[in-house]
C-alpha atoms as a PDB file:
ATOM      1  CA  MET A   1     -29.150 133.186 106.364  1.00  0.00           C
ATOM      2  CA  SER A   2     -26.022 132.095 107.942  1.00  0.00           C
ATOM      3  CA  GLU A   3     -25.371 133.335 111.550  1.00  0.00           C
ATOM      4  CA  LEU A   4     -22.263 135.194 109.982  1.00  0.00           C
ATOM      5  CA  ASP A   5     -24.438 136.872 107.602  1.00  0.00           C
ATOM      6  CA  ALA A   6     -26.732 137.906 110.730  1.00  0.00           C
ATOM      7  CA  ILE A   7     -23.747 139.388 112.397  1.00  0.00           C
ATOM      8  CA  ARG A   8     -22.844 141.355 109.372  1.00  0.00           C
ATOM      9  CA  ASP A   9     -26.408 142.881 109.057  1.00  0.00           C
ATOM     10  CA  GLN A  10     -26.351 144.025 112.705  1.00  0.00           C
ATOM     11  CA  ILE A  11     -23.291 145.248 113.061  1.00  0.00           C
ATOM     12  CA  ALA A  12     -23.048 147.083 109.345  1.00  0.00           C
ATOM     13  CA  ASP A  13     -24.764 150.256 110.889  1.00  0.00           C
ATOM     14  CA  CYS A  14     -22.181 150.421 113.348  1.00  0.00           C
ATOM     15  CA  TRP A  15     -19.333 150.453 110.794  1.00  0.00           C
ATOM     16  CA  ASN A  16     -17.759 153.952 109.566  1.00  0.00           C
ATOM     17  CA  ILE A  17     -15.526 153.636 106.538  1.00  0.00           C
ATOM     18  CA  PRO A  18     -12.620 155.770 106.700  1.00  0.00           C
ATOM     19  CA  ALA A  19     -13.431 159.340 104.859  1.00  0.00           C
ATOM     20  CA  GLY A  20     -10.734 159.788 102.218  1.00  0.00           C
ATOM     21  CA  ALA A  21      -9.169 156.700 102.071  1.00  0.00           C
ATOM     22  CA  LYS A  22      -7.581 155.163  99.043  1.00  0.00           C
ATOM     23  CA  GLY A  23      -9.160 152.689  97.291  1.00  0.00           C
ATOM     24  CA  ALA A  24     -11.893 152.563 100.361  1.00  0.00           C
ATOM     25  CA  GLU A  25     -14.422 150.353  98.223  1.00  0.00           C
ATOM     26  CA  ASP A  26     -11.606 147.676  98.208  1.00  0.00           C
ATOM     27  CA  LEU A  27     -10.459 148.206 101.817  1.00  0.00           C
ATOM     28  CA  ILE A  28     -11.251 144.977 103.580  1.00  0.00           C
ATOM     29  CA  VAL A  29     -10.234 144.116 107.208  1.00  0.00           C
ATOM     30  CA  ASP A  30     -10.634 140.522 108.507  1.00  0.00           C
ATOM     31  CA  ILE A  31     -10.993 140.238 112.282  1.00  0.00           C
ATOM     32  CA  PHE A  32     -10.774 136.889 114.384  1.00  0.00           C
ATOM     33  CA  VAL A  33     -13.676 137.143 117.251  1.00  0.00           C
ATOM     34  CA  ARG A  34     -14.443 135.426 120.421  1.00  0.00           C
ATOM     35  CA  MET A  35     -17.818 136.059 121.837  1.00  0.00           C
ATOM     36  CA  ASN A  36     -19.632 135.490 125.063  1.00  0.00           C
ATOM     37  CA  PRO A  37     -22.751 133.372 125.376  1.00  0.00           C
ATOM     38  CA  ASP A  38     -24.646 136.831 125.941  1.00  0.00           C
ATOM     39  CA  GLY A  39     -24.174 138.018 122.444  1.00  0.00           C
ATOM     40  CA  THR A  40     -21.299 140.805 123.443  1.00  0.00           C
ATOM     41  CA  VAL A  41     -17.691 140.370 122.253  1.00  0.00           C
ATOM     42  CA  ARG A  42     -15.249 139.051 124.722  1.00  0.00           C
ATOM     43  CA  ALA A  43     -12.248 139.841 122.326  1.00  0.00           C
ATOM     44  CA  ALA A  44     -11.596 141.008 118.677  1.00  0.00           C
ATOM     45  CA  GLU A  45      -8.386 141.303 116.763  1.00  0.00           C
ATOM     46  CA  VAL A  46      -7.301 142.353 113.366  1.00  0.00           C
ATOM     47  CA  THR A  47      -5.684 139.102 111.928  1.00  0.00           C
ATOM     48  CA  ASP A  48      -3.783 141.388 109.359  1.00  0.00           C
ATOM     49  CA  LYS A  49      -1.200 142.834 111.786  1.00  0.00           C
ATOM     50  CA  SER A  50       1.464 143.644 109.927  1.00  0.00           C
ATOM     51  CA  ARG A  51      -0.686 145.897 107.258  1.00  0.00           C
ATOM     52  CA  MET A  52      -1.554 147.517 110.621  1.00  0.00           C
ATOM     53  CA  ARG A  53       1.743 148.751 111.346  1.00  0.00           C
ATOM     54  CA  VAL A  54       2.511 149.824 107.682  1.00  0.00           C
ATOM     55  CA  ASP A  55      -0.897 151.232 106.182  1.00  0.00           C
ATOM     56  CA  PRO A  56      -2.422 153.987 107.879  1.00  0.00           C
ATOM     57  CA  PHE A  57      -6.086 153.922 106.089  1.00  0.00           C
ATOM     58  CA  PHE A  58      -5.957 149.972 106.767  1.00  0.00           C
ATOM     59  CA  ARG A  59      -5.290 150.262 110.325  1.00  0.00           C
ATOM     60  CA  THR A  60      -7.997 153.219 110.669  1.00  0.00           C
ATOM     61  CA  ALA A  61     -10.439 150.968 109.083  1.00  0.00           C
ATOM     62  CA  ALA A  62      -9.717 148.123 111.231  1.00  0.00           C
ATOM     63  CA  GLU A  63      -9.950 149.839 114.294  1.00  0.00           C
ATOM     64  CA  SER A  64     -13.375 151.284 113.022  1.00  0.00           C
ATOM     65  CA  ALA A  65     -14.466 147.779 112.514  1.00  0.00           C
ATOM     66  CA  ILE A  66     -13.775 147.042 116.024  1.00  0.00           C
ATOM     67  CA  ARG A  67     -15.734 149.776 117.460  1.00  0.00           C
ATOM     68  CA  ALA A  68     -18.546 148.477 115.331  1.00  0.00           C
ATOM     69  CA  LEU A  69     -18.710 145.217 117.066  1.00  0.00           C
ATOM     70  CA  ARG A  70     -18.315 146.405 120.219  1.00  0.00           C
ATOM     71  CA  ASN A  71     -20.731 149.858 119.564  1.00  0.00           C
ATOM     72  CA  PRO A  72     -23.610 149.549 122.271  1.00  0.00           C
ATOM     73  CA  ARG A  73     -26.179 150.301 119.126  1.00  0.00           C
ATOM     74  CA  CYS A  74     -25.437 146.966 117.882  1.00  0.00           C
ATOM     75  CA  SER A  75     -24.015 144.622 120.843  1.00  0.00           C
ATOM     76  CA  PRO A  76     -25.249 142.519 122.187  1.00  0.00           C
ATOM     77  CA  LEU A  77     -25.521 140.656 118.824  1.00  0.00           C
ATOM     78  CA  ARG A  78     -28.960 138.951 118.489  1.00  0.00           C
ATOM     79  CA  LEU A  79     -27.805 135.377 117.672  1.00  0.00           C
ATOM     80  CA  PRO A  80     -29.100 131.763 118.500  1.00  0.00           C
ATOM     81  CA  LEU A  81     -27.774 130.469 122.412  1.00  0.00           C
ATOM     82  CA  ASP A  82     -28.481 126.867 120.819  1.00  0.00           C
ATOM     83  CA  LYS A  83     -25.876 127.462 118.542  1.00  0.00           C
ATOM     84  CA  TYR A  84     -23.517 129.061 120.102  1.00  0.00           C
ATOM     85  CA  ASP A  85     -20.713 126.454 119.563  1.00  0.00           C
ATOM     86  CA  LEU A  86     -21.206 128.045 115.737  1.00  0.00           C
ATOM     87  CA  TRP A  87     -20.625 131.286 116.918  1.00  0.00           C
ATOM     88  CA  LYS A  88     -18.213 131.549 119.799  1.00  0.00           C
ATOM     89  CA  THR A  89     -15.483 132.348 117.739  1.00  0.00           C
ATOM     90  CA  PHE A  90     -15.382 133.558 114.123  1.00  0.00           C
ATOM     91  CA  THR A  91     -13.536 135.721 111.151  1.00  0.00           C
ATOM     92  CA  ILE A  92     -15.331 138.077 109.757  1.00  0.00           C
ATOM     93  CA  GLY A  93     -14.496 140.417 106.962  1.00  0.00           C
ATOM     94  CA  PHE A  94     -15.149 144.102 106.614  1.00  0.00           C
ATOM     95  CA  ASN A  95     -16.058 144.880 103.411  1.00  0.00           C
ATOM     96  CA  PRO A  96     -17.588 148.018 102.179  1.00  0.00           C
ATOM     97  CA  ARG A  97     -19.357 146.188  99.075  1.00  0.00           C
ATOM     98  CA  ASP A  98     -20.653 143.674 100.739  1.00  0.00           C
ATOM     99  CA  MET A  99     -21.594 145.602 104.064  1.00  0.00           C
ATOM    100  CA  LEU A 100     -22.584 148.668 103.398  1.00  0.00           C
ATOM    101  CA  GLY A 101     -24.209 147.943  99.876  1.00  0.00           C
END
C-alpha cells in the first residue's frame, strides 16, 4: 500500500459528501497538501480554484475535503516518519467512488 493509499484510508471516514449534490458520485476534488513531520496538515488548498468560484457543489465538496484532512478524528495521519520526504507534500483526489466505496 502506498502512502497516498494509507492517507485515503485514514481520512475516508472524515469526509462527508454534500447531500443532494448533482453528480456527487463524479465529484472529484484534488487537494494539494503540505504536511508537518508529526502527521498534521500544515496547509491544504484546492487545485481547481476557478471551479471553486463558480460551482457551489464543488466548493462545498472541496471545503468538506479540507475539513476531513484537519478533522481531529483523522489527524494526525499515521505515516512513517522515515518516509517524510515522500509524503511532506502531495496532491490527493477526493473521489466518492474510491474513498467511500
